Amino acid sequence: MHNNDFCKRFDWIGTNDNGRLVTPWRYDDGDQVVIFAHRDGTQWRVDDNGEALFRLAAAGVDPESPAVVARLDAFPILLGVQVEEDGETLTTRAAHLEQAALAVAEASSQVMALACLRRVRPESDFRERVVQVVQAAAASLGVEARLDVPVDESQSLRADVYLLSRVPLIVIAATSAQRLMEAEIIWLDAARRQEPAYVLATVEDARAVGINQYTRANYYTDKTVEFTGAKALGELVAHQLRH
């Protein structure tokens, strides 16, 4: 295993049989996400040494809360990563180290991002504006729109607007980083259950929720957009409803 097996922003430290991968991703306190690897026969055992779930608990988020459990349950399907029997460590086994290490690093970063669940959602009229636009777009096409509908398996996360289209359209007005994270969890939960759904999240200001989180959300929702006006959002919703 050599450093040039990874891009320059990743640093592999070790031997042919074990080592650690220092990634450019960081936890809330600024520490880099580090992944550990050990040769096990013809495969590699890769893990995060329990860092993500430990740090999440230290941040005041219950690792057994529905939102966290939903995210962890989605990892085997989406990333091939699972929680070890100790209930603390994110791990996987694979013949190829690079892909497995990056998957565990991504899972560990996602878990720590759930620390935003401890924050209180700020009050704003942004949600109301989004709801009005989406309702108007649905009405123009004769699609039923329901408000504040539970949409995850635990029934703890709700859509701001749930549109009864051929593929249900779940609209999330992400008034905060927490709410954007909830949109991602809703999308992951639907994917894990193979539930047909299209998750559309919109933020008022990408900088307010964090550019990194806004960018990541487009990988863990069907679409995340910045609100640029009622017309643009209405057209986007109408376009999806026609498909």
Protein backbone atom coordinates (compact mmCIF):
# COMPACT_ATOMS: atom_id res chain seq x y z
CA MET A 1 0.00 0.00 0.00
CA HIS A 2 1.48 3.38 -0.99
CA ASN A 3 0.52 7.02 -0.54
CA ASN A 4 -0.04 7.41 -4.27
CA ASP A 5 -2.93 4.93 -4.09
CA PHE A 6 -4.94 7.81 -2.66
CA CYS A 7 -5.22 11.39 -3.80
CA LYS A 8 -2.75 13.78 -2.26
CA ARG A 9 -5.21 15.00 0.37
CA PHE A 10 -5.31 11.52 1.93
CA ASP A 11 -2.37 10.18 3.92
CA TRP A 12 -1.80 6.44 4.34
CA ILE A 13 0.47 5.53 7.26
CA GLY A 14 1.35 1.88 7.79
CA THR A 15 2.61 -1.37 6.33
CA ASN A 16 1.29 -4.00 3.95
CA ASP A 17 -0.75 -5.58 6.77
CA ASN A 18 -2.14 -2.70 8.83
CA GLY A 19 -2.20 1.04 9.09
CA ARG A 20 -4.37 4.11 9.19
CA LEU A 21 -5.78 6.50 6.63
CA VAL A 22 -5.81 10.19 7.61
CA THR A 23 -8.53 11.89 5.58
CA PRO A 24 -9.14 15.60 4.84
CA TRP A 25 -12.60 15.36 6.48
CA ARG A 26 -12.93 16.68 10.01
CA TYR A 27 -15.11 16.18 13.06
CA ASP A 28 -16.82 19.11 14.80
CA ASP A 29 -13.79 19.84 16.99
CA GLY A 30 -11.44 20.05 14.01
CA ASP A 31 -9.81 16.61 14.41
CA GLN A 32 -9.35 14.78 11.14
CA VAL A 33 -11.33 11.62 10.42
CA VAL A 34 -8.88 8.73 10.71
CA ILE A 35 -9.69 5.21 9.52
CA PHE A 36 -7.87 2.07 10.67
CA ALA A 37 -7.19 -1.02 8.54
CA HIS A 38 -5.97 -4.52 9.39
CA ARG A 39 -5.25 -7.38 7.01
CA ASP A 40 -7.50 -10.38 7.75
CA GLY A 41 -6.60 -13.22 5.41
CA THR A 42 -7.44 -12.14 1.87
CA GLN A 43 -9.52 -9.20 3.07
CA TRP A 44 -9.09 -5.96 4.96
CA ARG A 45 -11.01 -5.14 8.12
CA VAL A 46 -11.57 -1.37 8.14
CA ASP A 47 -13.04 0.65 11.03
CA ASP A 48 -13.24 4.10 12.62
CA ASN A 49 -12.14 2.90 16.08
CA GLY A 50 -15.51 3.97 17.50
CA GLU A 51 -14.73 7.67 17.06
CA ALA A 52 -17.94 8.82 15.35
CA LEU A 53 -20.48 7.38 17.79
CA PHE A 54 -18.34 8.32 20.79
CA ARG A 55 -18.08 11.93 19.61
CA LEU A 56 -21.79 12.00 18.80
CA ALA A 57 -22.67 10.96 22.35
CA ALA A 58 -20.19 13.49 23.72
CA ALA A 59 -21.97 16.17 21.68
CA GLY A 60 -25.20 15.39 23.51
CA VAL A 61 -26.97 13.31 20.86
CA ASP A 62 -28.42 9.94 21.87
CA PRO A 63 -26.84 7.28 19.56
CA GLU A 64 -30.04 5.24 19.97
CA SER A 65 -32.38 8.05 18.91
CA PRO A 66 -34.62 7.28 15.89
CA ALA A 67 -32.79 9.72 13.63
CA VAL A 68 -29.38 8.20 14.37
CA VAL A 69 -30.62 4.61 14.16
CA ALA A 70 -32.25 5.35 10.78
CA ARG A 71 -28.94 6.64 9.43
CA LEU A 72 -26.97 3.67 10.80
CA ASP A 73 -29.49 1.20 9.39
CA ALA A 74 -29.05 2.72 5.93
CA PHE A 75 -25.26 2.35 5.86
CA PRO A 76 -25.09 -1.39 4.93
CA ILE A 77 -27.16 -0.76 1.80
CA LEU A 78 -25.71 2.58 0.75
CA LEU A 79 -22.07 2.26 1.83
CA GLY A 80 -21.52 -1.38 2.77
CA VAL A 81 -20.68 -0.24 6.32
CA GLN A 82 -22.23 -1.53 9.52
CA VAL A 83 -22.01 -1.07 13.27
CA GLU A 84 -19.80 -3.69 14.91
CA GLU A 85 -21.27 -6.02 17.54
CA ASP A 86 -19.83 -3.74 20.22
CA GLY A 87 -22.42 -1.18 19.14
CA GLU A 88 -19.74 1.49 18.92
CA THR A 89 -17.56 0.94 15.88
CA LEU A 90 -18.31 1.52 12.19
CA THR A 91 -16.65 -1.20 10.15
CA THR A 92 -16.56 -3.15 6.91
CA ARG A 93 -14.55 -5.93 5.29
CA ALA A 94 -13.40 -5.87 1.69
CA ALA A 95 -10.73 -7.17 -0.65
CA HIS A 96 -9.85 -3.67 -1.83
CA LEU A 97 -8.73 -1.29 0.89
CA GLU A 98 -9.20 2.03 -0.88
CA GLN A 99 -12.94 1.78 -1.51
CA ALA A 100 -13.63 0.30 1.94
CA ALA A 101 -11.61 2.98 3.75
CA LEU A 102 -13.39 5.79 1.93
CA ALA A 103 -16.79 4.23 2.68
CA VAL A 104 -16.06 4.01 6.41
CA ALA A 105 -14.67 7.56 6.41
CA GLU A 106 -17.84 8.83 4.74
CA ALA A 107 -20.04 6.94 7.21
CA SER A 108 -18.08 8.28 10.17
CA SER A 109 -18.37 11.84 8.86
CA GLN A 110 -22.11 11.45 8.34
CA VAL A 111 -22.64 10.17 11.87
CA MET A 112 -20.79 13.11 13.39
CA ALA A 113 -22.83 15.47 11.21
CA LEU A 114 -25.88 14.26 13.15
CA ALA A 115 -24.61 16.39 16.03
CA CYS A 116 -26.66 19.16 14.43
CA LEU A 117 -29.75 17.34 15.78
CA ARG A 118 -29.00 18.79 19.20
CA ARG A 119 -29.55 22.31 17.90
CA VAL A 120 -32.88 24.10 18.07
CA ARG A 121 -34.56 24.91 14.77
CA PRO A 122 -34.80 28.69 14.34
CA GLU A 123 -38.15 30.34 13.69
CA SER A 124 -38.67 31.73 10.20
CA ASP A 125 -41.40 32.48 7.69
CA PHE A 126 -39.31 30.66 5.08
CA ARG A 127 -41.22 27.43 5.65
CA GLU A 128 -44.55 29.15 5.11
CA ARG A 129 -43.35 30.72 1.85
CA VAL A 130 -42.12 27.38 0.54
CA VAL A 131 -45.36 25.64 1.53
CA GLN A 132 -47.44 28.24 -0.33
CA VAL A 133 -45.38 27.89 -3.49
CA VAL A 134 -45.51 24.09 -3.45
CA GLN A 135 -49.25 24.01 -2.74
CA ALA A 136 -49.90 26.37 -5.66
CA ALA A 137 -47.80 24.25 -8.04
CA ALA A 138 -49.59 21.08 -6.94
CA ALA A 139 -53.03 22.67 -7.27
CA SER A 140 -52.27 23.82 -10.82
CA LEU A 141 -51.70 20.18 -11.80
CA GLY A 142 -54.49 18.69 -9.71
CA VAL A 143 -52.13 16.90 -7.31
CA GLU A 144 -53.15 16.53 -3.68
CA ALA A 145 -50.78 18.18 -1.17
CA ARG A 146 -50.66 17.25 2.51
CA LEU A 147 -48.80 19.19 5.19
CA ASP A 148 -46.63 18.03 8.08
CA VAL A 149 -46.75 14.32 7.19
CA PRO A 150 -44.56 11.69 8.97
CA VAL A 151 -42.41 10.09 6.27
CA ASP A 152 -39.73 7.93 7.93
CA GLU A 153 -40.07 4.45 9.37
CA SER A 154 -39.96 5.73 12.95
CA GLN A 155 -42.62 8.38 12.16
CA SER A 156 -40.42 10.97 13.85
CA LEU A 157 -39.45 13.03 10.77
CA ARG A 158 -42.02 14.98 8.79
CA ALA A 159 -42.36 16.41 5.31
CA ASP A 160 -43.31 20.07 5.17
CA VAL A 161 -45.36 19.16 2.10
CA TYR A 162 -46.13 15.63 0.87
CA LEU A 163 -47.44 15.50 -2.69
CA LEU A 164 -49.45 12.47 -3.78
CA SER A 165 -47.92 12.20 -7.24
CA ARG A 166 -47.02 8.96 -9.04
CA VAL A 167 -43.72 9.01 -7.19
CA PRO A 168 -44.54 10.84 -3.92
CA LEU A 169 -42.75 14.17 -3.75
CA ILE A 170 -41.44 15.06 -0.29
CA VAL A 171 -40.60 18.74 0.09
CA ILE A 172 -38.45 19.95 2.96
CA ALA A 173 -38.03 23.63 3.76
CA ALA A 174 -34.58 23.45 5.33
CA THR A 175 -34.70 26.40 7.70
CA SER A 176 -31.54 25.22 9.44
CA ALA A 177 -28.63 22.79 9.16
CA GLN A 178 -30.62 20.43 11.37
CA ARG A 179 -33.59 20.45 9.03
CA LEU A 180 -31.37 19.84 6.01
CA MET A 181 -29.87 16.87 7.82
CA GLU A 182 -33.39 15.59 8.46
CA ALA A 183 -34.03 15.72 4.71
CA GLU A 184 -30.97 13.55 4.16
CA ILE A 185 -32.13 11.07 6.78
CA ILE A 186 -35.58 10.93 5.19
CA TRP A 187 -33.97 10.17 1.81
CA LEU A 188 -31.70 7.48 3.30
CA ASP A 189 -34.61 5.92 5.16
CA ALA A 190 -36.70 5.72 1.99
CA ALA A 191 -33.75 4.22 0.08
CA ARG A 192 -33.17 1.62 2.78
CA ARG A 193 -36.83 0.57 2.70
CA GLN A 194 -36.92 0.82 -1.13
CA GLU A 195 -39.87 3.19 -0.70
CA PRO A 196 -40.63 5.17 -3.89
CA ALA A 197 -40.11 8.83 -3.07
CA TYR A 198 -38.45 11.96 -4.42
CA VAL A 199 -36.96 14.16 -1.70
CA LEU A 200 -36.61 17.83 -2.62
CA ALA A 201 -34.98 20.14 -0.06
CA THR A 202 -34.69 23.89 -0.39
CA VAL A 203 -32.64 26.28 1.75
CA GLU A 204 -33.05 30.01 2.05
CA ASP A 205 -29.30 30.66 2.09
CA ALA A 206 -26.68 27.96 1.50
CA ARG A 207 -24.15 29.92 3.56
CA ALA A 208 -26.47 29.92 6.56
CA VAL A 209 -26.66 26.12 6.70
CA GLY A 210 -23.02 25.70 5.68
CA ILE A 211 -21.70 25.35 2.14
CA ASN A 212 -20.20 21.91 2.85
CA GLN A 213 -23.45 20.55 4.24
CA TYR A 214 -25.45 22.12 1.40
CA THR A 215 -23.12 20.50 -1.16
CA ARG A 216 -23.26 17.12 0.58
CA ALA A 217 -27.05 17.23 0.73
CA ASN A 218 -27.24 16.88 -3.04
CA TYR A 219 -25.71 13.41 -2.64
CA TYR A 220 -28.19 12.42 0.09
CA THR A 221 -31.42 13.88 -1.30
CA ASP A 222 -32.79 13.67 -4.81
CA LYS A 223 -32.28 17.42 -5.15
CA THR A 224 -31.28 20.27 -2.84
CA VAL A 225 -31.59 23.83 -4.09
CA GLU A 226 -31.19 27.35 -2.81
CA PHE A 227 -34.45 29.32 -2.83
CA THR A 228 -34.10 31.97 -5.55
CA GLY A 229 -37.76 32.92 -5.77
CA ALA A 230 -41.29 31.55 -5.90
CA LYS A 231 -41.29 31.17 -9.69
CA ALA A 232 -38.14 29.04 -9.83
CA LEU A 233 -39.27 26.71 -7.03
CA GLY A 234 -42.79 26.44 -8.45
CA GLU A 235 -41.43 25.48 -11.87
CA LEU A 236 -39.10 22.90 -10.30
CA VAL A 237 -41.95 21.29 -8.35
CA ALA A 238 -44.26 21.31 -11.39
CA HIS A 239 -41.55 19.73 -13.55
CA GLN A 240 -41.10 16.88 -11.08
CA LEU A 241 -44.85 16.33 -10.74
CA ARG A 242 -45.16 15.89 -14.51
CA HIS A 243 -42.68 13.02 -14.47
